[in-house]
Amino acid sequence: MTNDLCHLMISRSAYCYRHTRRWTVQLALGITALHELDIIHHDIKAKNILINV
């Protein structure tokens, strides 16, 4: 199931460290890959981040 990060943050009060760390690393790698292609996202926010759980 895919949800946006905002929805997941509202639906649960806390996530385990392992999930939070994995999502953060994947987000950082994704942004890095975009920047290497000279693509800049101007609206990075929880509602625009999709999480596959």
Protein backbone atom coordinates (compact mmCIF):
# COMPACT_ATOMS: atom_id res chain seq x y z
CA MET A 1 0.00 0.00 0.00
CA THR A 2 1.32 3.46 -0.86
CA ASN A 3 0.57 6.50 1.29
CA ASP A 4 1.96 9.97 1.50
CA LEU A 5 4.17 10.70 4.49
CA CYS A 6 1.73 13.30 5.85
CA HIS A 7 -1.07 10.72 6.03
CA LEU A 8 1.19 8.21 7.77
CA MET A 9 2.40 10.80 10.30
CA ILE A 10 -1.19 11.70 11.20
CA SER A 11 -2.42 8.10 11.39
CA ARG A 12 0.31 6.95 13.79
CA SER A 13 2.02 8.79 16.57
CA ALA A 14 5.39 7.05 16.20
CA TYR A 15 7.38 4.76 13.95
CA CYS A 16 10.28 2.56 14.83
CA TYR A 17 13.77 3.94 14.31
CA ARG A 18 14.51 1.41 11.56
CA HIS A 19 11.61 2.54 9.34
CA THR A 20 12.24 6.22 9.96
CA ARG A 21 15.94 5.85 9.15
CA ARG A 22 15.23 3.86 5.96
CA TRP A 23 12.73 6.45 4.71
CA THR A 24 15.10 9.31 5.50
CA VAL A 25 18.03 7.67 3.70
CA GLN A 26 15.89 6.85 0.66
CA LEU A 27 14.58 10.42 0.53
CA ALA A 28 18.12 11.83 0.72
CA LEU A 29 19.33 9.46 -2.02
CA GLY A 30 16.36 10.38 -4.21
CA ILE A 31 16.97 14.11 -3.82
CA THR A 32 20.67 13.59 -4.54
CA ALA A 33 19.85 11.66 -7.72
CA LEU A 34 17.51 14.44 -8.86
CA HIS A 35 20.15 17.11 -8.22
CA GLU A 36 22.74 15.12 -10.19
CA LEU A 37 20.34 15.35 -13.14
CA ASP A 38 19.91 19.10 -12.54
CA ILE A 39 16.32 18.57 -11.41
CA ILE A 40 15.25 20.67 -8.45
CA HIS A 41 12.02 20.04 -6.55
CA HIS A 42 10.68 23.25 -5.04
CA ASP A 43 7.92 21.75 -2.89
CA ILE A 44 9.34 18.94 -0.78
CA LYS A 45 6.92 18.31 2.06
CA ALA A 46 5.37 15.32 3.79
CA LYS A 47 2.28 15.41 1.56
CA ASN A 48 4.47 15.08 -1.56
CA ILE A 49 6.52 12.12 -0.30
CA LEU A 50 5.09 8.69 -1.10
CA ILE A 51 5.86 5.81 1.24
CA ASN A 52 5.29 2.21 0.21
CA VAL A 53 4.41 0.19 3.32
